[in-house]
Amino acid sequence: MNDNNAVDLVVTDMVMPEMDGVELILILRKTHPRLPVIAMSGGGRLGPDDYLKIARAGGAARILAKPFEIDQLLWMVRELISTTAKADGGLA
């Protein structure tokens, strides 16, 4: 990522009104291939497992089914930020 962008990680729902999570993940994979993405879903027309399988196949680093404990999300954020920082030589 370049210095003009201060985003270290994206957390997205899979079902959203303007753009679904799969579309967002695919765009991010093209524009910021190393940016970690956490996808979450409680379902919709499909069950949450179906959306999350699609998210994983599209490039999400981690997936969460709703409802989830906030500690699960925080653990994933810390893990991915730490991994990204190590891969970038100490810079997140």
Protein backbone atom coordinates (compact mmCIF):
# COMPACT_ATOMS: atom_id res chain seq x y z
CA MET A 1 0.00 0.00 0.00
CA ASN A 2 1.20 3.52 -0.60
CA ASP A 3 1.84 6.22 2.01
CA ASN A 4 -1.32 8.11 1.02
CA ASN A 5 -3.50 5.31 2.34
CA ALA A 6 -3.70 4.82 6.10
CA VAL A 7 -5.76 1.60 6.00
CA ASP A 8 -4.09 -1.44 7.55
CA LEU A 9 -7.07 -3.81 7.50
CA VAL A 10 -10.68 -3.97 6.27
CA VAL A 11 -13.60 -5.50 8.16
CA THR A 12 -16.66 -5.97 5.97
CA ASP A 13 -20.08 -7.51 6.14
CA MET A 14 -21.06 -9.71 3.22
CA VAL A 15 -24.60 -8.38 2.78
CA MET A 16 -24.72 -4.61 2.27
CA PRO A 17 -27.09 -2.33 0.33
CA GLU A 18 -24.79 -0.62 -2.20
CA MET A 19 -22.05 -3.21 -2.76
CA ASP A 20 -21.87 -6.71 -1.40
CA GLY A 21 -18.84 -7.97 0.47
CA VAL A 22 -17.72 -10.27 -2.34
CA GLU A 23 -17.54 -7.35 -4.74
CA LEU A 24 -15.59 -5.28 -2.21
CA ILE A 25 -13.14 -8.12 -1.52
CA LEU A 26 -12.52 -8.66 -5.24
CA ILE A 27 -11.88 -4.95 -5.77
CA LEU A 28 -9.49 -4.87 -2.82
CA ARG A 29 -7.62 -7.93 -4.10
CA LYS A 30 -6.98 -6.06 -7.36
CA THR A 31 -6.16 -2.65 -5.90
CA HIS A 32 -4.46 -3.68 -2.62
CA PRO A 33 -3.54 -7.36 -2.88
CA ARG A 34 -1.73 -7.48 0.49
CA LEU A 35 -4.43 -5.66 2.48
CA PRO A 36 -5.97 -8.12 4.96
CA VAL A 37 -9.76 -8.46 4.93
CA ILE A 38 -12.01 -9.90 7.62
CA ALA A 39 -15.45 -10.83 6.29
CA MET A 40 -18.48 -11.42 8.48
CA SER A 41 -21.98 -12.63 7.77
CA GLY A 42 -25.18 -13.52 9.53
CA GLY A 43 -26.75 -14.76 6.32
CA GLY A 44 -29.25 -13.32 3.90
CA ARG A 45 -30.73 -15.10 0.92
CA LEU A 46 -27.97 -17.65 1.49
CA GLY A 47 -26.85 -18.98 4.85
CA PRO A 48 -23.87 -17.36 6.58
CA ASP A 49 -21.64 -20.36 5.82
CA ASP A 50 -22.28 -19.96 2.09
CA TYR A 51 -21.39 -16.26 2.11
CA LEU A 52 -18.29 -16.91 4.18
CA LYS A 53 -17.08 -19.70 1.88
CA ILE A 54 -17.41 -17.29 -1.04
CA ALA A 55 -15.55 -14.60 0.94
CA ARG A 56 -12.70 -17.01 1.71
CA ALA A 57 -12.50 -18.10 -1.94
CA GLY A 58 -12.44 -14.43 -2.98
CA GLY A 59 -9.47 -13.65 -0.77
CA ALA A 60 -10.69 -12.78 2.73
CA ALA A 61 -7.92 -13.50 5.22
CA ARG A 62 -10.37 -14.37 8.02
CA ILE A 63 -14.11 -15.01 8.25
CA LEU A 64 -16.62 -14.68 11.10
CA ALA A 65 -20.18 -15.96 11.37
CA LYS A 66 -22.59 -13.70 13.25
CA PRO A 67 -23.20 -13.58 16.09
CA PHE A 68 -19.60 -13.66 17.29
CA GLU A 69 -17.76 -12.58 20.41
CA ILE A 70 -15.93 -9.26 20.14
CA ASP A 71 -12.81 -11.02 21.46
CA GLN A 72 -12.79 -13.19 18.30
CA LEU A 73 -12.78 -10.11 16.10
CA LEU A 74 -10.13 -8.34 18.19
CA TRP A 75 -7.89 -11.43 18.11
CA MET A 76 -8.16 -11.58 14.30
CA VAL A 77 -7.42 -7.86 13.94
CA ARG A 78 -4.33 -8.10 16.18
CA GLU A 79 -3.10 -11.24 14.40
CA LEU A 80 -3.50 -9.79 10.92
CA ILE A 81 -1.99 -6.40 11.80
CA SER A 82 0.98 -8.16 13.43
CA THR A 83 1.45 -10.46 10.43
CA THR A 84 1.24 -7.53 8.02
CA ALA A 85 3.74 -5.52 10.06
CA LYS A 86 6.23 -8.43 10.06
CA ALA A 87 5.83 -8.94 6.32
CA ASP A 88 6.44 -5.22 5.71
CA GLY A 89 9.59 -5.20 7.81
CA GLY A 90 7.98 -3.72 10.91
CA LEU A 91 5.65 -1.27 9.21
CA ALA A 92 1.91 -1.94 9.19
